[in-house]
Amino acid sequence: LDYAKTSKRWNMPDRWYSHHQAAVTNKG
C-alpha cells in the first residue's frame, strides 16, 4: 500500500477499493 504512494502505476489505495474506467465517444 505504501509503494502506491510513490509509484506512477502501482495502485493500492486500501486493502479493498474500486476503480471506474469509462470510454465516451459521440456514439455513446
PDB file of all heavy atoms in Angstrom:
ATOM      1  N   LEU A   1       0.833  -1.201   0.000  1.00  0.00           N
ATOM      2  CA  LEU A   1       0.000   0.000   0.000  1.00  0.00           C
ATOM      3  C   LEU A   1       0.872   1.256   0.000  1.00  0.00           C
ATOM      4  O   LEU A   1       0.568   2.237  -0.693  1.00  0.00           O
ATOM      5  CB  LEU A   1      -0.931   0.013   1.208  1.00  0.00           C
ATOM      6  CG  LEU A   1      -2.172  -0.881   1.146  1.00  0.00           C
ATOM      7  CD1 LEU A   1      -1.856  -2.335   1.442  1.00  0.00           C
ATOM      8  CD2 LEU A   1      -3.255  -0.374   2.088  1.00  0.00           C
ATOM      9  N   ASP A   2       1.961   1.208   0.756  1.00  0.00           N
ATOM     10  CA  ASP A   2       2.844   2.374   0.837  1.00  0.00           C
ATOM     11  C   ASP A   2       3.540   2.644  -0.493  1.00  0.00           C
ATOM     12  O   ASP A   2       3.769   3.808  -0.852  1.00  0.00           O
ATOM     13  CB  ASP A   2       3.885   2.165   1.933  1.00  0.00           C
ATOM     14  CG  ASP A   2       3.266   2.127   3.322  1.00  0.00           C
ATOM     15  OD1 ASP A   2       2.126   2.620   3.480  1.00  0.00           O
ATOM     16  OD2 ASP A   2       3.914   1.584   4.243  1.00  0.00           O
ATOM     17  N   TYR A   3       3.878   1.575  -1.235  1.00  0.00           N
ATOM     18  CA  TYR A   3       4.547   1.751  -2.521  1.00  0.00           C
ATOM     19  C   TYR A   3       3.649   2.517  -3.494  1.00  0.00           C
ATOM     20  O   TYR A   3       4.138   3.266  -4.346  1.00  0.00           O
ATOM     21  CB  TYR A   3       4.924   0.395  -3.113  1.00  0.00           C
ATOM     22  CG  TYR A   3       5.897   0.462  -4.269  1.00  0.00           C
ATOM     23  CD1 TYR A   3       7.241   0.722  -4.045  1.00  0.00           C
ATOM     24  CD2 TYR A   3       5.482   0.247  -5.580  1.00  0.00           C
ATOM     25  CE1 TYR A   3       8.145   0.770  -5.091  1.00  0.00           C
ATOM     26  CE2 TYR A   3       6.376   0.299  -6.636  1.00  0.00           C
ATOM     27  CZ  TYR A   3       7.708   0.557  -6.386  1.00  0.00           C
ATOM     28  OH  TYR A   3       8.603   0.612  -7.434  1.00  0.00           O
ATOM     29  N   ALA A   4       2.352   2.350  -3.347  1.00  0.00           N
ATOM     30  CA  ALA A   4       1.413   3.036  -4.231  1.00  0.00           C
ATOM     31  C   ALA A   4       1.482   4.554  -4.066  1.00  0.00           C
ATOM     32  O   ALA A   4       1.094   5.297  -4.975  1.00  0.00           O
ATOM     33  CB  ALA A   4      -0.008   2.548  -3.960  1.00  0.00           C
ATOM     34  N   LYS A   5       1.982   5.011  -2.931  1.00  0.00           N
ATOM     35  CA  LYS A   5       2.066   6.454  -2.692  1.00  0.00           C
ATOM     36  C   LYS A   5       3.198   7.106  -3.474  1.00  0.00           C
ATOM     37  O   LYS A   5       3.215   8.334  -3.629  1.00  0.00           O
ATOM     38  CB  LYS A   5       2.242   6.711  -1.198  1.00  0.00           C
ATOM     39  CG  LYS A   5       1.098   6.192  -0.345  1.00  0.00           C
ATOM     40  CD  LYS A   5       1.389   6.323   1.136  1.00  0.00           C
ATOM     41  CE  LYS A   5       0.270   5.718   1.986  1.00  0.00           C
ATOM     42  NZ  LYS A   5       0.579   5.767   3.438  1.00  0.00           N
ATOM     43  N   THR A   6       4.129   6.298  -3.968  1.00  0.00           N
ATOM     44  CA  THR A   6       5.273   6.855  -4.696  1.00  0.00           C
ATOM     45  C   THR A   6       5.360   6.385  -6.141  1.00  0.00           C
ATOM     46  O   THR A   6       6.083   6.975  -6.937  1.00  0.00           O
ATOM     47  CB  THR A   6       6.587   6.468  -3.989  1.00  0.00           C
ATOM     48  OG1 THR A   6       6.712   5.036  -3.959  1.00  0.00           O
ATOM     49  CG2 THR A   6       6.612   6.998  -2.557  1.00  0.00           C
ATOM     50  N   SER A   7       4.619   5.325  -6.491  1.00  0.00           N
ATOM     51  CA  SER A   7       4.687   4.758  -7.838  1.00  0.00           C
ATOM     52  C   SER A   7       3.677   5.422  -8.757  1.00  0.00           C
ATOM     53  O   SER A   7       2.564   5.762  -8.347  1.00  0.00           O
ATOM     54  CB  SER A   7       4.406   3.253  -7.785  1.00  0.00           C
ATOM     55  OG  SER A   7       4.295   2.704  -9.080  1.00  0.00           O
ATOM     56  N   LYS A   8       4.059   5.585 -10.020  1.00  0.00           N
ATOM     57  CA  LYS A   8       3.154   6.160 -11.012  1.00  0.00           C
ATOM     58  C   LYS A   8       2.144   5.148 -11.544  1.00  0.00           C
ATOM     59  O   LYS A   8       1.136   5.542 -12.134  1.00  0.00           O
ATOM     60  CB  LYS A   8       3.969   6.733 -12.182  1.00  0.00           C
ATOM     61  CG  LYS A   8       4.811   7.938 -11.809  1.00  0.00           C
ATOM     62  CD  LYS A   8       5.552   8.485 -13.021  1.00  0.00           C
ATOM     63  CE  LYS A   8       6.353   9.717 -12.654  1.00  0.00           C
ATOM     64  NZ  LYS A   8       7.108  10.262 -13.825  1.00  0.00           N
ATOM     65  N   ARG A   9       2.407   3.850 -11.351  1.00  0.00           N
ATOM     66  CA  ARG A   9       1.473   2.867 -11.910  1.00  0.00           C
ATOM     67  C   ARG A   9       0.945   1.859 -10.899  1.00  0.00           C
ATOM     68  O   ARG A   9      -0.066   1.205 -11.167  1.00  0.00           O
ATOM     69  CB  ARG A   9       2.103   2.129 -13.093  1.00  0.00           C
ATOM     70  CG  ARG A   9       3.389   1.389 -12.800  1.00  0.00           C
ATOM     71  CD  ARG A   9       3.831   0.589 -14.020  1.00  0.00           C
ATOM     72  NE  ARG A   9       5.187   0.060 -13.859  1.00  0.00           N
ATOM     73  CZ  ARG A   9       5.716  -0.896 -14.593  1.00  0.00           C
ATOM     74  NH1 ARG A   9       5.001  -1.443 -15.568  1.00  0.00           N
ATOM     75  NH2 ARG A   9       6.947  -1.307 -14.396  1.00  0.00           N
ATOM     76  N   TRP A  10       1.570   1.685  -9.762  1.00  0.00           N
ATOM     77  CA  TRP A  10       1.126   0.715  -8.762  1.00  0.00           C
ATOM     78  C   TRP A  10       0.026   1.354  -7.919  1.00  0.00           C
ATOM     79  O   TRP A  10       0.263   2.301  -7.177  1.00  0.00           O
ATOM     80  CB  TRP A  10       2.300   0.312  -7.880  1.00  0.00           C
ATOM     81  CG  TRP A  10       2.027  -0.777  -6.887  1.00  0.00           C
ATOM     82  CD1 TRP A  10       1.571  -0.651  -5.608  1.00  0.00           C
ATOM     83  CD2 TRP A  10       2.234  -2.183  -7.085  1.00  0.00           C
ATOM     84  NE1 TRP A  10       1.476  -1.862  -4.992  1.00  0.00           N
ATOM     85  CE2 TRP A  10       1.878  -2.832  -5.882  1.00  0.00           C
ATOM     86  CE3 TRP A  10       2.688  -2.951  -8.151  1.00  0.00           C
ATOM     87  CZ2 TRP A  10       1.953  -4.213  -5.721  1.00  0.00           C
ATOM     88  CZ3 TRP A  10       2.769  -4.329  -7.995  1.00  0.00           C
ATOM     89  CH2 TRP A  10       2.404  -4.956  -6.791  1.00  0.00           C
ATOM     90  N   ASN A  11      -1.200   0.849  -8.040  1.00  0.00           N
ATOM     91  CA  ASN A  11      -2.343   1.418  -7.339  1.00  0.00           C
ATOM     92  C   ASN A  11      -2.902   0.426  -6.327  1.00  0.00           C
ATOM     93  O   ASN A  11      -3.367  -0.657  -6.694  1.00  0.00           O
ATOM     94  CB  ASN A  11      -3.443   1.794  -8.336  1.00  0.00           C
ATOM     95  CG  ASN A  11      -3.086   3.001  -9.163  1.00  0.00           C
ATOM     96  OD1 ASN A  11      -3.370   4.136  -8.789  1.00  0.00           O
ATOM     97  ND2 ASN A  11      -2.441   2.766 -10.302  1.00  0.00           N
ATOM     98  N   MET A  12      -2.850   0.802  -5.059  1.00  0.00           N
ATOM     99  CA  MET A  12      -3.470   0.036  -3.981  1.00  0.00           C
ATOM    100  C   MET A  12      -3.793   1.022  -2.854  1.00  0.00           C
ATOM    101  O   MET A  12      -3.092   1.106  -1.855  1.00  0.00           O
ATOM    102  CB  MET A  12      -2.553  -1.084  -3.486  1.00  0.00           C
ATOM    103  CG  MET A  12      -3.258  -2.098  -2.568  1.00  0.00           C
ATOM    104  SD  MET A  12      -2.136  -3.305  -1.819  1.00  0.00           S
ATOM    105  CE  MET A  12      -1.644  -4.276  -3.239  1.00  0.00           C
ATOM    106  N   PRO A  13      -4.860   1.799  -3.021  1.00  0.00           N
ATOM    107  CA  PRO A  13      -5.173   2.813  -2.015  1.00  0.00           C
ATOM    108  C   PRO A  13      -5.640   2.242  -0.692  1.00  0.00           C
ATOM    109  O   PRO A  13      -5.579   2.922   0.335  1.00  0.00           O
ATOM    110  CB  PRO A  13      -6.282   3.636  -2.683  1.00  0.00           C
ATOM    111  CG  PRO A  13      -6.916   2.692  -3.651  1.00  0.00           C
ATOM    112  CD  PRO A  13      -5.794   1.830  -4.156  1.00  0.00           C
ATOM    113  N   ASP A  14      -6.109   1.008  -0.712  1.00  0.00           N
ATOM    114  CA  ASP A  14      -6.568   0.345   0.508  1.00  0.00           C
ATOM    115  C   ASP A  14      -6.559  -1.154   0.244  1.00  0.00           C
ATOM    116  O   ASP A  14      -6.260  -1.596  -0.871  1.00  0.00           O
ATOM    117  CB  ASP A  14      -7.971   0.826   0.888  1.00  0.00           C
ATOM    118  CG  ASP A  14      -8.193   0.817   2.398  1.00  0.00           C
ATOM    119  OD1 ASP A  14      -7.593  -0.042   3.083  1.00  0.00           O
ATOM    120  OD2 ASP A  14      -8.958   1.664   2.890  1.00  0.00           O
ATOM    121  N   ARG A  15      -6.892  -1.945   1.249  1.00  0.00           N
ATOM    122  CA  ARG A  15      -6.911  -3.396   1.050  1.00  0.00           C
ATOM    123  C   ARG A  15      -8.118  -3.834   0.237  1.00  0.00           C
ATOM    124  O   ARG A  15      -8.119  -4.915  -0.316  1.00  0.00           O
ATOM    125  CB  ARG A  15      -6.849  -4.108   2.401  1.00  0.00           C
ATOM    126  CG  ARG A  15      -5.506  -3.853   3.082  1.00  0.00           C
ATOM    127  CD  ARG A  15      -5.426  -4.452   4.475  1.00  0.00           C
ATOM    128  NE  ARG A  15      -4.268  -3.925   5.165  1.00  0.00           N
ATOM    129  CZ  ARG A  15      -3.240  -4.649   5.603  1.00  0.00           C
ATOM    130  NH1 ARG A  15      -3.225  -5.954   5.412  1.00  0.00           N
ATOM    131  NH2 ARG A  15      -2.226  -4.082   6.209  1.00  0.00           N
ATOM    132  N   TRP A  16      -9.132  -3.018   0.199  1.00  0.00           N
ATOM    133  CA  TRP A  16     -10.233  -3.211  -0.752  1.00  0.00           C
ATOM    134  C   TRP A  16     -10.667  -1.834  -1.229  1.00  0.00           C
ATOM    135  O   TRP A  16     -10.689  -0.868  -0.486  1.00  0.00           O
ATOM    136  CB  TRP A  16     -11.380  -4.019  -0.162  1.00  0.00           C
ATOM    137  CG  TRP A  16     -12.068  -3.431   1.029  1.00  0.00           C
ATOM    138  CD1 TRP A  16     -13.146  -2.581   1.027  1.00  0.00           C
ATOM    139  CD2 TRP A  16     -11.777  -3.660   2.413  1.00  0.00           C
ATOM    140  NE1 TRP A  16     -13.532  -2.265   2.305  1.00  0.00           N
ATOM    141  CE2 TRP A  16     -12.711  -2.920   3.173  1.00  0.00           C
ATOM    142  CE3 TRP A  16     -10.814  -4.433   3.075  1.00  0.00           C
ATOM    143  CZ2 TRP A  16     -12.700  -2.929   4.572  1.00  0.00           C
ATOM    144  CZ3 TRP A  16     -10.810  -4.428   4.467  1.00  0.00           C
ATOM    145  CH2 TRP A  16     -11.737  -3.694   5.189  1.00  0.00           C
ATOM    146  N   TYR A  17     -10.980  -1.755  -2.518  1.00  0.00           N
ATOM    147  CA  TYR A  17     -11.240  -0.463  -3.146  1.00  0.00           C
ATOM    148  C   TYR A  17     -11.862  -0.693  -4.517  1.00  0.00           C
ATOM    149  O   TYR A  17     -11.965  -1.836  -4.983  1.00  0.00           O
ATOM    150  CB  TYR A  17      -9.941   0.347  -3.286  1.00  0.00           C
ATOM    151  CG  TYR A  17      -8.891  -0.318  -4.152  1.00  0.00           C
ATOM    152  CD1 TYR A  17      -8.767  -0.003  -5.512  1.00  0.00           C
ATOM    153  CD2 TYR A  17      -8.009  -1.274  -3.639  1.00  0.00           C
ATOM    154  CE1 TYR A  17      -7.809  -0.607  -6.314  1.00  0.00           C
ATOM    155  CE2 TYR A  17      -7.050  -1.883  -4.425  1.00  0.00           C
ATOM    156  CZ  TYR A  17      -6.958  -1.544  -5.769  1.00  0.00           C
ATOM    157  OH  TYR A  17      -6.018  -2.151  -6.576  1.00  0.00           O
ATOM    158  N   SER A  18     -12.242   0.388  -5.190  1.00  0.00           N
ATOM    159  CA  SER A  18     -12.828   0.263  -6.518  1.00  0.00           C
ATOM    160  C   SER A  18     -12.170   1.232  -7.485  1.00  0.00           C
ATOM    161  O   SER A  18     -11.550   2.229  -7.078  1.00  0.00           O
ATOM    162  CB  SER A  18     -14.343   0.515  -6.490  1.00  0.00           C
ATOM    163  OG  SER A  18     -14.627   1.849  -6.110  1.00  0.00           O
ATOM    164  N   HIS A  19     -12.313   0.923  -8.775  1.00  0.00           N
ATOM    165  CA  HIS A  19     -11.823   1.788  -9.849  1.00  0.00           C
ATOM    166  C   HIS A  19     -12.856   1.817 -10.963  1.00  0.00           C
ATOM    167  O   HIS A  19     -13.364   0.767 -11.372  1.00  0.00           O
ATOM    168  CB  HIS A  19     -10.491   1.278 -10.398  1.00  0.00           C
ATOM    169  CG  HIS A  19     -10.089   1.965 -11.676  1.00  0.00           C
ATOM    170  ND1 HIS A  19      -9.726   3.293 -11.719  1.00  0.00           N
ATOM    171  CD2 HIS A  19     -10.026   1.505 -12.961  1.00  0.00           C
ATOM    172  CE1 HIS A  19      -9.459   3.622 -12.974  1.00  0.00           C
ATOM    173  NE2 HIS A  19      -9.630   2.568 -13.733  1.00  0.00           N
ATOM    174  N   HIS A  20     -13.156   3.007 -11.458  1.00  0.00           N
ATOM    175  CA  HIS A  20     -14.136   3.202 -12.524  1.00  0.00           C
ATOM    176  C   HIS A  20     -13.412   3.693 -13.773  1.00  0.00           C
ATOM    177  O   HIS A  20     -12.669   4.663 -13.720  1.00  0.00           O
ATOM    178  CB  HIS A  20     -15.194   4.228 -12.082  1.00  0.00           C
ATOM    179  CG  HIS A  20     -16.326   4.401 -13.034  1.00  0.00           C
ATOM    180  ND1 HIS A  20     -16.267   5.229 -14.140  1.00  0.00           N
ATOM    181  CD2 HIS A  20     -17.573   3.844 -13.049  1.00  0.00           C
ATOM    182  CE1 HIS A  20     -17.419   5.181 -14.783  1.00  0.00           C
ATOM    183  NE2 HIS A  20     -18.231   4.350 -14.149  1.00  0.00           N
ATOM    184  N   GLN A  21     -13.588   2.978 -14.882  1.00  0.00           N
ATOM    185  CA  GLN A  21     -12.936   3.340 -16.160  1.00  0.00           C
ATOM    186  C   GLN A  21     -14.007   3.431 -17.239  1.00  0.00           C
ATOM    187  O   GLN A  21     -14.773   2.483 -17.442  1.00  0.00           O
ATOM    188  CB  GLN A  21     -11.907   2.288 -16.555  1.00  0.00           C
ATOM    189  CG  GLN A  21     -11.085   2.644 -17.775  1.00  0.00           C
ATOM    190  CD  GLN A  21      -9.871   3.496 -17.427  1.00  0.00           C
ATOM    191  OE1 GLN A  21      -9.284   3.341 -16.352  1.00  0.00           O
ATOM    192  NE2 GLN A  21      -9.496   4.403 -18.305  1.00  0.00           N
ATOM    193  N   ALA A  22     -14.064   4.554 -17.938  1.00  0.00           N
ATOM    194  CA  ALA A  22     -15.090   4.745 -18.962  1.00  0.00           C
ATOM    195  C   ALA A  22     -14.469   5.188 -20.273  1.00  0.00           C
ATOM    196  O   ALA A  22     -13.408   5.826 -20.301  1.00  0.00           O
ATOM    197  CB  ALA A  22     -16.123   5.773 -18.504  1.00  0.00           C
ATOM    198  N   ALA A  23     -15.123   4.830 -21.358  1.00  0.00           N
ATOM    199  CA  ALA A  23     -14.804   5.340 -22.696  1.00  0.00           C
ATOM    200  C   ALA A  23     -16.050   6.037 -23.212  1.00  0.00           C
ATOM    201  O   ALA A  23     -17.153   5.488 -23.137  1.00  0.00           O
ATOM    202  CB  ALA A  23     -14.399   4.204 -23.629  1.00  0.00           C
ATOM    203  N   VAL A  24     -15.865   7.245 -23.736  1.00  0.00           N
ATOM    204  CA  VAL A  24     -17.000   8.040 -24.217  1.00  0.00           C
ATOM    205  C   VAL A  24     -16.662   8.588 -25.595  1.00  0.00           C
ATOM    206  O   VAL A  24     -15.577   9.146 -25.801  1.00  0.00           O
ATOM    207  CB  VAL A  24     -17.311   9.200 -23.255  1.00  0.00           C
ATOM    208  CG1 VAL A  24     -18.511  10.001 -23.766  1.00  0.00           C
ATOM    209  CG2 VAL A  24     -17.565   8.688 -21.848  1.00  0.00           C
ATOM    210  N   THR A  25     -17.565   8.400 -26.545  1.00  0.00           N
ATOM    211  CA  THR A  25     -17.431   8.999 -27.875  1.00  0.00           C
ATOM    212  C   THR A  25     -18.781   9.620 -28.235  1.00  0.00           C
ATOM    213  O   THR A  25     -19.740   9.559 -27.463  1.00  0.00           O
ATOM    214  CB  THR A  25     -17.045   7.961 -28.943  1.00  0.00           C
ATOM    215  OG1 THR A  25     -18.187   7.137 -29.237  1.00  0.00           O
ATOM    216  CG2 THR A  25     -15.879   7.097 -28.502  1.00  0.00           C
ATOM    217  N   ASN A  26     -18.851  10.184 -29.441  1.00  0.00           N
ATOM    218  CA  ASN A  26     -20.128  10.766 -29.862  1.00  0.00           C
ATOM    219  C   ASN A  26     -21.175   9.706 -30.181  1.00  0.00           C
ATOM    220  O   ASN A  26     -22.323  10.034 -30.472  1.00  0.00           O
ATOM    221  CB  ASN A  26     -19.924  11.706 -31.061  1.00  0.00           C
ATOM    222  CG  ASN A  26     -19.294  10.997 -32.257  1.00  0.00           C
ATOM    223  OD1 ASN A  26     -19.154   9.761 -32.256  1.00  0.00           O
ATOM    224  ND2 ASN A  26     -18.905  11.757 -33.264  1.00  0.00           N
ATOM    225  N   LYS A  27     -20.775   8.420 -30.104  1.00  0.00           N
ATOM    226  CA  LYS A  27     -21.721   7.331 -30.351  1.00  0.00           C
ATOM    227  C   LYS A  27     -22.222   6.689 -29.064  1.00  0.00           C
ATOM    228  O   LYS A  27     -23.050   5.787 -29.111  1.00  0.00           O
ATOM    229  CB  LYS A  27     -21.084   6.270 -31.247  1.00  0.00           C
ATOM    230  CG  LYS A  27     -20.793   6.761 -32.657  1.00  0.00           C
ATOM    231  CD  LYS A  27     -20.271   5.634 -33.526  1.00  0.00           C
ATOM    232  CE  LYS A  27     -20.004   6.108 -34.957  1.00  0.00           C
ATOM    233  NZ  LYS A  27     -19.490   5.021 -35.828  1.00  0.00           N
ATOM    234  N   GLY A  28     -21.695   7.128 -27.928  1.00  0.00           N
ATOM    235  CA  GLY A  28     -22.159   6.541 -26.679  1.00  0.00           C
ATOM    236  C   GLY A  28     -21.068   6.444 -25.641  1.00  0.00           C
ATOM    237  O   GLY A  28     -20.044   7.140 -25.721  1.00  0.00           O
TER     238      GLY A  28
END
